[in-house]
Protein backbone atom coordinates (compact mmCIF):
# COMPACT_ATOMS: atom_id res chain seq x y z
CA UNK A 1 -34.06 1.60 1.25
CA UNK A 2 -32.09 1.57 -1.67
CA UNK A 3 -28.61 0.29 -0.09
CA UNK A 4 -30.85 -2.20 1.84
CA UNK A 5 -32.38 -3.20 -1.50
CA UNK A 6 -28.69 -3.86 -2.98
CA UNK A 7 -27.58 -5.78 0.15
CA UNK A 8 -30.80 -8.08 -0.05
CA UNK A 9 -30.38 -8.60 -3.66
CA UNK A 10 -26.62 -9.82 -2.95
CA UNK A 11 -28.02 -12.20 -0.42
CA UNK A 12 -30.20 -13.89 -2.74
CA UNK A 13 -27.67 -14.08 -5.54
CA UNK A 14 -25.19 -15.82 -3.09
CA UNK A 15 -27.99 -18.43 -2.35
CA UNK A 16 -28.23 -18.98 -6.04
CA UNK A 17 -31.94 -17.74 -6.37
CA UNK A 18 -32.82 -15.58 -9.26
CA UNK A 19 -31.10 -12.01 -9.36
CA UNK A 20 -33.21 -9.13 -8.67
CA UNK A 21 -31.38 -7.20 -11.65
CA UNK A 22 -32.22 -8.78 -15.08
CA UNK A 23 -30.06 -9.95 -17.27
CA UNK A 24 -31.32 -7.94 -19.92
CA UNK A 25 -30.86 -4.69 -17.54
CA UNK A 26 -27.21 -5.80 -17.03
CA UNK A 27 -26.37 -6.09 -20.62
CA UNK A 28 -27.96 -2.65 -21.30
CA UNK A 29 -25.86 -1.00 -18.66
CA UNK A 30 -22.63 -2.46 -19.69
CA UNK A 31 -20.66 -1.21 -22.52
CA UNK A 32 -20.05 -4.65 -24.25
CA UNK A 33 -17.51 -2.85 -27.18
CA UNK A 34 -15.33 -1.10 -24.37
CA UNK A 35 -15.29 -4.51 -22.26
CA UNK A 36 -14.38 -6.62 -25.16
CA UNK A 37 -11.30 -4.50 -25.80
CA UNK A 38 -10.00 -5.60 -22.55
CA UNK A 39 -7.95 -8.52 -23.79
CA UNK A 40 -5.93 -11.35 -21.86
CA UNK A 41 -3.32 -11.43 -24.65
CA UNK A 42 -2.20 -7.68 -24.43
CA UNK A 43 -2.63 -7.75 -20.74
CA UNK A 44 -0.20 -10.79 -20.23
CA UNK A 45 2.12 -9.36 -22.82
CA UNK A 46 2.60 -6.05 -20.99
CA UNK A 47 3.07 -7.91 -17.72
CA UNK A 48 5.90 -10.43 -19.21
CA UNK A 49 7.38 -7.18 -20.60
CA UNK A 50 7.38 -5.05 -17.44
CA UNK A 51 8.44 -7.77 -15.10
CA UNK A 52 11.36 -9.05 -17.52
CA UNK A 53 15.26 -8.89 -16.34
CA UNK A 54 15.24 -6.10 -19.09
CA UNK A 55 13.68 -3.66 -16.54
CA UNK A 56 15.98 -4.65 -13.77
CA UNK A 57 13.42 -4.90 -11.06
CA UNK A 58 12.11 -1.01 -11.80
CA UNK A 59 13.77 0.64 -8.83
CA UNK A 60 13.78 4.26 -8.90
CA UNK A 61 17.06 6.24 -9.58
CA UNK A 62 18.15 3.13 -11.69
CA UNK A 63 18.42 2.34 -15.38
CA UNK A 64 15.18 0.16 -14.69
CA UNK A 65 13.57 3.65 -13.75
CA UNK A 66 14.43 5.22 -17.06
CA UNK A 67 13.32 1.83 -18.98
CA UNK A 68 10.28 1.63 -17.22
CA UNK A 69 8.84 5.28 -17.50
CA UNK A 70 9.87 5.42 -20.90
CA UNK A 71 8.06 2.35 -21.77
CA UNK A 72 5.10 3.42 -19.86
CA UNK A 73 5.04 6.94 -21.69
CA UNK A 74 5.31 5.21 -25.12
CA UNK A 75 2.41 2.73 -24.16
CA UNK A 76 0.24 5.71 -23.24
CA UNK A 77 1.16 7.77 -26.76
CA UNK A 78 0.58 4.83 -28.55
CA UNK A 79 -3.03 4.34 -27.15
CA UNK A 80 -3.79 7.80 -28.00
CA UNK A 81 -3.90 9.26 -24.82
CA UNK A 82 -3.04 12.94 -24.24
CA UNK A 83 0.00 14.03 -22.21
CA UNK A 84 -1.05 14.52 -18.62
CA UNK A 85 1.39 17.43 -17.52
CA UNK A 86 0.93 20.04 -20.31
CA UNK A 87 3.14 18.91 -23.22
CA UNK A 88 4.62 16.10 -21.16
CA UNK A 89 3.82 12.52 -19.99
CA UNK A 90 6.15 13.00 -16.87
CA UNK A 91 5.93 14.49 -13.47
CA UNK A 92 9.04 14.79 -12.03
CA UNK A 93 9.51 13.78 -8.44
CA UNK A 94 12.54 15.02 -6.65
CA UNK A 95 13.95 12.42 -4.31
CA UNK A 96 16.68 11.45 -2.07
CA UNK A 97 18.26 7.88 -1.71
CA UNK A 98 19.58 6.95 1.66
CA UNK A 99 21.69 3.78 1.67
CA UNK A 100 22.35 2.93 5.45
CA UNK A 101 24.90 0.77 6.69
CA UNK A 102 24.34 0.16 10.46
CA UNK A 103 26.25 -1.49 13.23
CA UNK A 104 27.41 -5.23 12.16
CA UNK A 105 25.88 -6.00 15.56
CA UNK A 106 24.26 -4.56 18.68
CA UNK A 107 25.77 -4.98 22.14
CA UNK A 108 22.79 -4.37 24.72
CA UNK A 109 24.11 -3.98 28.46
CA UNK A 110 22.16 -4.28 31.65
CA UNK A 111 23.66 -3.64 35.05
CA UNK A 112 24.08 -7.41 35.29
CA UNK A 113 24.70 -8.95 31.68
CA UNK A 114 25.17 -8.15 27.85
CA UNK A 115 23.52 -9.26 24.88
CA UNK A 116 24.60 -9.28 21.22
CA UNK A 117 22.42 -9.03 18.33
CA UNK A 118 23.24 -9.50 14.60
CA UNK A 119 22.36 -7.23 11.94
CA UNK A 120 19.48 -8.72 9.36
CA UNK A 121 18.83 -11.86 11.48
CA UNK A 122 17.97 -10.00 14.55
CA UNK A 123 17.83 -6.33 13.80
CA UNK A 124 17.45 -3.91 10.85
CA UNK A 125 18.71 -0.31 11.25
CA UNK A 126 18.33 2.69 9.08
CA UNK A 127 18.44 6.62 9.40
CA UNK A 128 16.51 8.89 7.25
CA UNK A 129 18.59 12.05 8.59
CA UNK A 130 20.35 13.57 5.67
CA UNK A 131 23.54 13.04 7.48
CA UNK A 132 26.67 11.27 6.63
CA UNK A 133 27.19 9.77 10.05
CA UNK A 134 24.53 9.16 12.85
CA UNK A 135 25.53 7.87 16.21
CA UNK A 136 23.91 7.30 19.46
CA UNK A 137 25.80 6.61 22.64
CA UNK A 138 24.43 5.01 25.78
CA UNK A 139 20.93 5.37 24.53
CA UNK A 140 18.50 3.88 26.99
CA UNK A 141 15.86 1.63 25.88
CA UNK A 142 12.06 2.10 26.91
CA UNK A 143 9.26 0.09 26.09
CA UNK A 144 6.22 1.93 25.04
CA UNK A 145 3.78 -0.58 24.08
CA UNK A 146 2.21 0.34 20.82
CA UNK A 147 3.79 3.79 20.76
CA UNK A 148 0.13 5.41 20.15
CA UNK A 149 -0.98 8.51 21.11
CA UNK A 150 -4.76 8.66 20.20
CA UNK A 151 -7.28 10.86 21.99
CA UNK A 152 -10.31 9.75 20.39
CA UNK A 153 -9.57 6.22 21.90
CA UNK A 154 -8.45 7.45 25.12
CA UNK A 155 -5.17 6.01 24.61
CA UNK A 156 -1.60 7.25 25.41
CA UNK A 157 1.30 5.48 25.39
CA UNK A 158 3.72 8.21 25.97
CA UNK A 159 1.67 9.89 29.00
CA UNK A 160 3.84 11.36 31.42
CA UNK A 161 6.86 10.06 29.83
CA UNK A 162 10.07 12.00 28.39
CA UNK A 163 11.83 10.14 25.83
CA UNK A 164 14.21 12.77 24.64
CA UNK A 165 17.65 11.13 23.56
CA UNK A 166 16.09 7.66 24.35
CA UNK A 167 15.22 4.96 22.07
CA UNK A 168 11.74 3.52 22.08
CA UNK A 169 10.79 0.21 21.62
CA UNK A 170 7.34 -0.19 20.19
CA UNK A 171 4.62 -3.18 19.00
CA UNK A 172 3.27 -3.07 15.55
CA UNK A 173 -0.40 -2.82 14.64
CA UNK A 174 -2.77 -1.21 17.26
CA UNK A 175 -4.49 -2.78 20.12
CA UNK A 176 -7.91 -3.55 18.11
CA UNK A 177 -5.82 -6.68 16.75
CA UNK A 178 -5.87 -8.06 20.10
CA UNK A 179 -9.17 -6.88 21.46
CA UNK A 180 -11.84 -6.25 19.29
CA UNK A 181 -13.70 -3.76 21.84
CA UNK A 182 -10.57 -1.64 21.31
CA UNK A 183 -10.12 1.04 18.36
CA UNK A 184 -11.75 -0.44 15.22
CA UNK A 185 -11.33 -4.05 16.15
CA UNK A 186 -10.09 -6.28 13.44
CA UNK A 187 -9.68 -3.33 11.24
CA UNK A 188 -6.12 -1.52 11.63
CA UNK A 189 -6.15 1.96 11.96
CA UNK A 190 -3.62 4.28 10.79
CA UNK A 191 -2.22 4.11 14.60
CA UNK A 192 -1.13 0.57 13.77
CA UNK A 193 1.24 0.96 10.56
CA UNK A 194 4.98 1.46 10.97
CA UNK A 195 5.12 4.66 9.34
CA UNK A 196 2.97 6.04 12.19
CA UNK A 197 5.11 4.64 14.80
CA UNK A 198 8.23 6.53 13.34
CA UNK A 199 6.33 9.58 13.06
CA UNK A 200 4.82 9.84 16.72
CA UNK A 201 8.25 8.56 18.07
CA UNK A 202 9.91 11.69 16.37
CA UNK A 203 7.15 13.85 17.69
CA UNK A 204 7.72 12.79 21.20
CA UNK A 205 11.64 13.56 20.64
CA UNK A 206 12.93 10.17 20.90
CA UNK A 207 16.29 9.72 19.39
CA UNK A 208 15.68 6.33 18.28
CA UNK A 209 13.01 3.88 17.66
CA UNK A 210 12.51 0.10 16.97
CA UNK A 211 9.42 -1.88 16.30
CA UNK A 212 8.80 -5.35 17.41
CA UNK A 213 8.21 -7.45 14.46
CA UNK A 214 5.32 -10.22 14.91
CA UNK A 215 4.43 -11.92 11.65
CA UNK A 216 0.63 -12.12 12.23
CA UNK A 217 0.28 -8.46 13.59
CA UNK A 218 2.43 -7.06 10.89
CA UNK A 219 0.91 -9.30 8.14
CA UNK A 220 4.25 -10.00 6.62
CA UNK A 221 7.06 -12.17 7.56
CA UNK A 222 10.87 -11.32 8.79
CA UNK A 223 12.05 -11.71 5.08
CA UNK A 224 10.11 -8.56 4.03
CA UNK A 225 11.66 -6.49 6.83
CA UNK A 226 15.15 -7.89 5.97
CA UNK A 227 14.77 -7.24 2.14
CA UNK A 228 12.95 -3.68 2.40
CA UNK A 229 14.81 -2.22 5.52
CA UNK A 230 18.03 -4.40 5.69
CA UNK A 231 19.70 -4.54 2.33
CA UNK A 232 17.88 -1.88 0.32
CA UNK A 233 18.26 2.03 -0.13
CA UNK A 234 15.75 4.14 1.54
CA UNK A 235 13.68 6.76 -0.72
CA UNK A 236 12.07 9.81 0.69
CA UNK A 237 11.08 13.03 -1.04
CA UNK A 238 13.81 15.56 -1.14
CA UNK A 239 11.73 18.37 0.02
CA UNK A 240 12.00 17.72 3.84
CA UNK A 241 13.02 21.10 5.43
CA UNK A 242 12.47 19.83 9.21
CA UNK A 243 15.57 18.01 10.17
CA UNK A 244 13.70 16.66 13.18
CA UNK A 245 11.16 15.13 11.15
CA UNK A 246 12.56 11.72 11.86
CA UNK A 247 14.30 10.07 14.56
CA UNK A 248 18.16 9.81 14.38
CA UNK A 249 17.75 6.06 13.92
CA UNK A 250 14.89 3.75 12.99
CA UNK A 251 14.52 -0.20 12.69
CA UNK A 252 12.92 -3.33 13.55
CA UNK A 253 13.73 -6.35 16.03
CA UNK A 254 12.74 -9.95 15.26
CA UNK A 255 10.37 -11.53 17.92
CA UNK A 256 13.21 -13.81 18.91
CA UNK A 257 15.51 -10.93 19.77
CA UNK A 258 12.85 -9.11 21.42
CA UNK A 259 11.98 -12.06 23.95
CA UNK A 260 16.03 -12.05 24.64
CA UNK A 261 15.90 -8.15 25.18
CA UNK A 262 13.15 -8.64 27.87
CA UNK A 263 14.90 -11.39 29.58
CA UNK A 264 18.05 -9.27 29.94
CA UNK A 265 15.81 -6.49 31.19
CA UNK A 266 14.55 -9.02 33.79
CA UNK A 267 11.04 -9.36 32.16
CA UNK A 268 9.44 -12.00 30.11
CA UNK A 269 6.94 -11.91 27.20
CA UNK A 270 4.00 -11.00 29.54
CA UNK A 271 5.06 -7.77 29.11
CA UNK A 272 3.60 -7.81 25.76
CA UNK A 273 0.39 -8.93 27.15
CA UNK A 274 0.17 -5.87 29.57
CA UNK A 275 0.82 -3.55 26.95
CA UNK A 276 -2.20 -4.81 25.14
CA UNK A 277 -4.50 -3.43 27.95
CA UNK A 278 -5.59 0.07 28.51
CA UNK A 279 -3.88 1.95 30.87
CA UNK A 280 -0.46 0.10 30.30
CA UNK A 281 2.35 2.43 31.44
CA UNK A 282 5.60 2.59 29.70
CA UNK A 283 8.54 0.52 31.01
CA UNK A 284 12.04 1.99 31.25
CA UNK A 285 14.17 -1.34 30.75
CA UNK A 286 17.28 -0.40 32.16
CA UNK A 287 19.35 -1.27 29.22
CA UNK A 288 21.69 0.94 26.87
CA UNK A 289 23.25 0.40 23.58
CA UNK A 290 25.00 2.38 20.77
CA UNK A 291 23.54 2.82 17.57
CA UNK A 292 25.99 3.99 14.53
CA UNK A 293 24.62 4.38 11.02
CA UNK A 294 26.86 5.64 7.99
CA UNK A 295 24.39 6.95 5.36
CA UNK A 296 25.22 7.46 1.47
CA UNK A 297 23.36 10.02 0.18
CA UNK A 298 22.29 10.43 -3.31
CA UNK A 299 20.01 13.00 -4.83
CA UNK A 300 18.16 12.72 -7.95
CA UNK A 301 14.53 12.55 -9.58
CA UNK A 302 12.38 9.92 -10.94
CA UNK A 303 9.17 10.28 -12.60
CA UNK A 304 5.29 9.71 -12.32
CA UNK A 305 3.89 9.03 -15.91
CA UNK A 306 0.51 10.52 -16.35
CA UNK A 307 -1.95 10.57 -19.30
CA UNK A 308 -5.00 12.10 -19.89
CA UNK A 309 -8.42 11.25 -21.86
CA UNK A 310 -10.51 14.50 -22.10
CA UNK A 311 -13.99 14.49 -21.16
CA UNK A 312 -16.61 15.81 -23.52
CA UNK A 313 -18.17 18.22 -21.52
CA UNK A 314 -16.96 18.53 -17.99
CA UNK A 315 -13.22 18.34 -18.95
CA UNK A 316 -12.36 20.03 -15.61
CA UNK A 317 -13.59 17.02 -13.48
CA UNK A 318 -11.10 14.29 -13.42
CA UNK A 319 -11.36 10.50 -12.40
CA UNK A 320 -7.87 9.32 -11.61
CA UNK A 321 -6.88 5.59 -12.12
CA UNK A 322 -3.47 4.80 -10.13
CA UNK A 323 -0.88 1.97 -10.16
CA UNK A 324 2.62 2.13 -8.95
CA UNK A 325 5.31 1.29 -11.48
CA UNK A 326 8.26 0.61 -8.96
CA UNK A 327 9.43 -2.59 -7.38
CA UNK A 328 12.71 -3.37 -5.35
CA UNK A 329 15.55 -3.42 -8.34
CA UNK A 330 18.44 -5.93 -7.90
CA UNK A 331 18.97 -7.17 -4.31
CA UNK A 332 19.78 -10.11 -2.53
CA UNK A 333 20.32 -12.90 -4.58
CA UNK A 334 18.18 -16.23 -3.76
CA UNK A 335 19.22 -19.33 -5.57
CA UNK A 336 21.24 -17.33 -7.98
CA UNK A 337 18.57 -14.59 -8.91
CA UNK A 338 18.86 -11.41 -7.71
CA UNK A 339 16.41 -9.28 -9.92
CA UNK A 340 12.93 -8.59 -7.93
CA UNK A 341 10.83 -8.69 -11.26
CA UNK A 342 7.50 -7.50 -9.50
CA UNK A 343 5.22 -9.13 -11.91
CA UNK A 344 2.25 -8.97 -9.46
CA UNK A 345 3.44 -5.97 -7.42
CA UNK A 346 2.72 -4.27 -9.58
CA UNK A 347 3.34 -4.73 -13.38
CA UNK A 348 -0.23 -6.25 -13.24
CA UNK A 349 -1.48 -2.90 -11.92
CA UNK A 350 0.34 -0.94 -14.81
CA UNK A 351 -0.96 -3.20 -17.70
CA UNK A 352 -4.42 -2.74 -16.14
CA UNK A 353 -4.01 1.02 -16.59
CA UNK A 354 -3.44 0.39 -20.60
CA UNK A 355 -6.39 -2.17 -20.65
CA UNK A 356 -8.53 0.34 -19.23
CA UNK A 357 -7.80 3.27 -21.21
CA UNK A 358 -8.28 0.87 -24.26
CA UNK A 359 -11.80 0.57 -22.75
CA UNK A 360 -12.57 4.44 -22.51
CA UNK A 361 -11.20 4.98 -26.04
CA UNK A 362 -13.49 1.97 -27.45
CA UNK A 363 -16.56 2.96 -25.34
CA UNK A 364 -19.59 3.89 -27.43
CA UNK A 365 -20.60 6.95 -25.70
CA UNK A 366 -16.98 8.94 -24.65
CA UNK A 367 -16.80 10.11 -21.19
CA UNK A 368 -18.34 13.54 -19.98
CA UNK A 369 -15.58 13.73 -17.30
CA UNK A 370 -11.87 13.45 -18.01
CA UNK A 371 -9.97 10.43 -17.06
CA UNK A 372 -6.45 10.66 -15.96
CA UNK A 373 -4.23 7.48 -15.80
CA UNK A 374 -1.32 7.82 -13.53
CA UNK A 375 1.51 5.48 -12.94
CA UNK A 376 3.34 6.52 -9.57
CA UNK A 377 7.04 6.05 -8.58
CA UNK A 378 8.33 4.98 -5.50
CA UNK A 379 5.24 3.22 -3.63
CA UNK A 380 7.47 0.57 -2.37
CA UNK A 381 9.48 3.34 -0.46
CA UNK A 382 6.53 4.62 1.34
CA UNK A 383 4.03 5.80 -1.19
CA UNK A 384 6.49 8.64 -2.23
CA UNK A 385 5.13 9.12 -5.85
CA UNK A 386 1.43 9.64 -5.07
CA UNK A 387 2.45 11.86 -1.81
CA UNK A 388 4.26 14.14 -4.22
CA UNK A 389 1.34 14.39 -6.87
CA UNK A 390 -1.24 14.98 -4.01
CA UNK A 391 1.10 17.80 -2.51
CA UNK A 392 1.69 18.94 -6.11
CA UNK A 393 -1.30 18.29 -7.86
CA UNK A 394 -1.78 18.66 -11.88
CA UNK A 395 -5.29 18.78 -11.78
CA UNK A 396 -7.16 20.59 -8.79
CA UNK A 397 -8.10 18.23 -6.05
CA UNK A 398 -11.42 19.85 -5.71
CA UNK A 399 -12.01 18.93 -9.23
CA UNK A 400 -10.84 15.46 -8.72
CA UNK A 401 -13.64 13.23 -8.57
CA UNK A 402 -12.12 9.86 -7.28
CA UNK A 403 -9.32 7.76 -7.37
CA UNK A 404 -9.37 4.07 -8.35
CA UNK A 405 -6.03 2.41 -7.30
CA UNK A 406 -4.89 -0.77 -8.61
CA UNK A 407 -2.08 -2.85 -6.92
CA UNK A 408 -1.25 -6.51 -6.74
CA UNK A 409 -3.92 -8.42 -8.82
CA UNK A 410 -4.70 -12.11 -7.74
CA UNK A 411 -3.69 -14.61 -10.16
CA UNK A 412 -5.37 -17.67 -8.50
CA UNK A 413 -8.73 -17.46 -10.43
CA UNK A 414 -12.02 -15.66 -11.05
CA UNK A 415 -14.22 -15.19 -7.94
CA UNK A 416 -17.53 -14.06 -7.55
CA UNK A 417 -16.76 -11.87 -4.83
CA UNK A 418 -15.02 -8.64 -4.75
CA UNK A 419 -12.88 -7.62 -1.51
CA UNK A 420 -13.07 -3.96 -0.65
CA UNK A 421 -10.14 -2.80 1.20
CA UNK A 422 -11.33 -0.39 3.74
CA UNK A 423 -14.86 -0.97 2.92
CA UNK A 424 -17.22 1.54 4.73
CA UNK A 425 -15.07 4.35 4.13
CA UNK A 426 -17.02 6.14 0.96
CA UNK A 427 -19.60 6.29 -1.45
CA UNK A 428 -17.06 4.59 -3.71
CA UNK A 429 -18.28 1.11 -2.19
CA UNK A 430 -21.66 1.79 -3.59
CA UNK A 431 -20.65 2.19 -7.07
CA UNK A 432 -18.49 -0.88 -6.66
CA UNK A 433 -21.67 -2.77 -5.58
CA UNK A 434 -23.72 -1.69 -8.42
CA UNK A 435 -21.14 -2.53 -10.71
CA UNK A 436 -20.47 -5.86 -9.39
CA UNK A 437 -24.22 -6.59 -9.63
CA UNK A 438 -23.78 -6.14 -13.55
CA UNK A 439 -21.27 -8.95 -13.51
CA UNK A 440 -23.00 -11.19 -11.28
CA UNK A 441 -20.74 -10.41 -8.34
CA UNK A 442 -21.16 -9.03 -4.88
CA UNK A 443 -18.96 -7.13 -2.66
CA UNK A 444 -17.47 -7.63 0.66
CA UNK A 445 -15.03 -6.68 3.13
CA UNK A 446 -11.25 -7.66 2.81
CA UNK A 447 -10.44 -10.91 4.24
CA UNK A 448 -7.54 -9.39 6.51
CA UNK A 449 -8.65 -5.89 7.55
CA UNK A 450 -6.24 -6.13 10.25
CA UNK A 451 -3.35 -5.89 7.62
CA UNK A 452 -3.98 -2.33 7.49
CA UNK A 453 -4.38 -2.54 3.56
CA UNK A 454 -6.27 0.82 3.14
CA UNK A 455 -2.69 2.61 4.42
CA UNK A 456 -0.71 0.53 2.28
CA UNK A 457 -0.92 1.75 -1.30
CA UNK A 458 -1.28 4.82 -3.21
CA UNK A 459 -4.99 5.40 -2.78
CA UNK A 460 -4.20 6.51 0.84
CA UNK A 461 -2.56 9.65 -0.23
CA UNK A 462 -5.42 10.80 -1.89
CA UNK A 463 -7.48 9.76 0.98
CA UNK A 464 -5.83 11.97 3.21
CA UNK A 465 -6.32 15.16 1.04
CA UNK A 466 -9.96 14.18 0.91
CA UNK A 467 -10.27 12.64 -2.35
CA UNK A 468 -12.54 9.51 -2.40
CA UNK A 469 -10.21 6.53 -2.78
CA UNK A 470 -11.14 3.04 -3.87
CA UNK A 471 -8.93 -0.06 -3.71
CA UNK A 472 -10.31 -3.41 -4.18
CA UNK A 473 -9.42 -6.95 -5.54
CA UNK A 474 -10.67 -10.88 -6.14
CA UNK A 475 -12.16 -12.36 -2.90
CA UNK A 476 -12.14 -16.18 -2.02
CA UNK A 477 -15.64 -17.20 -3.30
CA UNK A 478 -13.79 -19.09 -6.41
CA UNK A 479 -15.84 -19.63 -9.62
CA UNK A 480 -13.56 -22.71 -10.34
CA UNK A 481 -15.69 -25.71 -9.29
CA UNK A 482 -12.83 -28.06 -8.85
CA UNK A 483 -11.26 -26.69 -5.51
CA UNK A 484 -8.14 -28.38 -5.80
CA UNK A 485 -7.26 -26.31 -8.93
CA UNK A 486 -7.56 -23.39 -7.18
CA UNK A 487 -5.57 -24.42 -4.22
CA UNK A 488 -2.98 -25.75 -6.40
CA UNK A 489 -2.62 -22.14 -7.87
CA UNK A 490 -2.70 -20.46 -4.49
CA UNK A 491 -0.03 -22.73 -3.37
CA UNK A 492 2.24 -21.92 -6.22
CA UNK A 493 1.73 -18.27 -5.53
CA UNK A 494 2.49 -18.52 -1.94
CA UNK A 495 5.91 -16.76 -0.82
CA UNK A 496 6.26 -14.51 -3.74
CA UNK A 497 5.51 -11.04 -2.23
CA UNK A 498 8.51 -8.87 -2.32
CA UNK A 499 10.39 -11.85 -3.52
CA UNK A 500 12.94 -12.66 -6.69
CA UNK A 501 10.00 -15.13 -7.63
CA UNK A 502 7.46 -12.80 -8.20
CA UNK A 503 7.16 -13.72 -11.98
CA UNK A 504 4.72 -14.88 -14.50
CA UNK A 505 4.56 -18.57 -14.01
CA UNK A 506 2.36 -21.24 -15.71
CA UNK A 507 0.14 -21.47 -12.93
CA UNK A 508 -1.28 -17.92 -13.28
CA UNK A 509 -4.76 -17.72 -14.21
CA UNK A 510 -5.85 -14.29 -15.64
CA UNK A 511 -9.56 -14.68 -15.51
CA UNK A 512 -10.08 -13.22 -12.17
CA UNK A 513 -7.52 -10.44 -12.88
CA UNK A 514 -9.49 -9.42 -16.27
CA UNK A 515 -12.84 -9.48 -14.33
CA UNK A 516 -11.53 -7.11 -11.83
CA UNK A 517 -10.27 -4.97 -14.68
CA UNK A 518 -13.53 -4.85 -16.31
CA UNK A 519 -15.11 -3.98 -13.05
CA UNK A 520 -12.87 -1.13 -12.27
CA UNK A 521 -13.47 0.16 -15.73
CA UNK A 522 -17.17 0.02 -15.14
CA UNK A 523 -17.04 1.97 -11.84
CA UNK A 524 -15.11 4.65 -13.45
CA UNK A 525 -17.12 4.62 -16.67
CA UNK A 526 -20.37 5.20 -14.74
CA UNK A 527 -18.68 8.03 -12.54
CA UNK A 528 -17.71 9.77 -15.90
CA UNK A 529 -21.09 9.86 -17.09
CA UNK A 530 -22.57 11.56 -13.78
CA UNK A 531 -22.35 15.21 -12.51
CA UNK A 532 -22.26 13.95 -8.80
CA UNK A 533 -19.21 13.66 -6.68
CA UNK A 534 -18.82 10.56 -4.40
CA UNK A 535 -18.52 11.28 -0.74
CA UNK A 536 -17.08 10.12 2.47
CA UNK A 537 -19.37 7.84 4.78
CA UNK A 538 -20.65 9.73 8.04
CA UNK A 539 -17.90 7.78 10.41
CA UNK A 540 -15.10 7.85 7.99
CA UNK A 541 -12.01 9.68 9.41
CA UNK A 542 -11.60 11.50 6.14
CA UNK A 543 -15.04 12.87 5.98
CA UNK A 544 -13.82 16.33 7.65
CA UNK A 545 -11.02 16.90 5.15
CA UNK A 546 -13.08 15.72 2.29
CA UNK A 547 -15.70 18.36 3.20
CA UNK A 548 -13.03 21.16 3.15
CA UNK A 549 -11.52 20.25 -0.24
C-alpha cells in the first residue's frame, strides 16, 4: 500500500492539488545546512576549470589524464576527504591503447559487380586484437539480423549457422525497438547494445563484425560513430588473456552504404524488415571483401580517483557515488577547434561529486555509513574504469550498499520530474521517489528507454556484479513558465554530444543541475542513516546475482 500511496501522491501533485506530504514534514526531513552548502558558484567554477583547454579534453594516456586526475585528487583532499585506496587517492588501471588504421576504402565483390566504400564516410573499422597487423582476405559477408542469441525471448539469429572465418553484418538495437510485443518493447535490453553485438559475434567464431548504423535505433548520429571509432584510439583493460575474446575486425556501416551493399547482393531494404520478425533466418550475401587494419599498441596506466568519508557506526558499509572524469581529448578539428572539452559529459558529473562531498561534510548529523566518491577513467572507451573497479574492488561488494552514478547533467533548466534510467530495476527507485517528494518533485521513466541508457554509463558495471545501481536526471516538465526560454536553451544545447562545442555557454541554466545534485545527495544521505540494503526488483535481470553477492 505504501508504494501505491506514493504514486497517488505524485498524481495529485501533478494536478496541482495539495500534497499529501506537508511542507513542515519535508523541511524536517531535509538537512538544510547540508543542502545550502551546494553552491552554483563553486559548481560552475569546477566545470569551467575541468572543461577548459588546459585539460586538453581529458583523454586517458595523455597529459590531460595526469592534469585531470591530479586536480580531482587535490580537490578531494581540500574538501577534507580521506584517501580512498589506503594512503592514496588513486587506483591504477592498467590499460592498452590501440590506434587502428584501416583500409582507406573497401572493395565489395559479388559475382556480377563490385562496390567501393570509403573509410569514415561509409564505414569505420578497428581491431582490438593485440596484433600489429590484422588481415582478412576474401571474407564472406553474412547478414544475421540483430545478431542476438536470447533463449529467454526464444530468439536466435545464429541458429544452425557457422560463421567461422566470415564477417557478420548485424543491426543495432533489439527487436523490441520495432515491435513492442518483443523483448522489453521500447526499453532496450543489453542485447541491443553494440558491445553485446561484438561479444556475441566473437563467441560465434566470426572473423569480423559490422554493425548497421541507424540514427533512431542507435540514439546517436553517424558523427558519433565517426568521432568515437573512426579517428580515435580505442582503449581496453590490459588484462585480456583470451586472444579470441574479440573478432579480428569490428566496425560500423552507415545506413546508406548498407543499402548499397544489399543492392549489390540482389536484395533491397525489405531484408531489414524481415529481420525484425521472429523466425528470421540469416542470409549469406554472396559478397566478399578484404579487411586490413594496422594497429599501433601502447600500454600504460590511467587512474580512478577515489576518496572516502568514513561513517560513524557502520564504517564497513559503503555508498559509492561515481562520475567519469575522462572525455575524448584532441581529435578531428571542427571550425578550427580540435579540443573535445566535455563540459556536460562529464565535467558536470565530477563537479557534482565535490558538491555532494561538501554537503555530507556540512550535514548536522554525520552519515552512519561510509560515503565513497569515485571518479572513474575511460568511460568513453567502454566503461573501463568502473569495470576495473568492480573486478578489483577496494571495498567489498557485499558491503557496498548502492551506487549512485552521475553523468551528463541537463543545462536546460529545472524540472518538476526526475527521469530514472532503467526505472523498475531496484529499490533505489523507491528511495528516489521519497526524496523527490521532499523537493516537490516526482519520478518517472526515462523519456527514451530505447536508447539503452541503463547500459551506457558506469552504474551498469556495478549492476552486473549485483550492486543496486541508480542513474537519473532532469525530466521535461520544466518549471520555467515561458516555454520560449526553455526552447531557446534546448536549441542552444543541441548537437553538442561528443562534439568540440560541449562547453559552458551563456545559455546554460544551473537550476536543474543543482536540483538534481541536491536530490542525489538526499538519496545517499537517507541510505547512510539506515541499516537496510536496497534490493533488486523481482523482474530485474540482476536480481539473482544481487542475491549471491
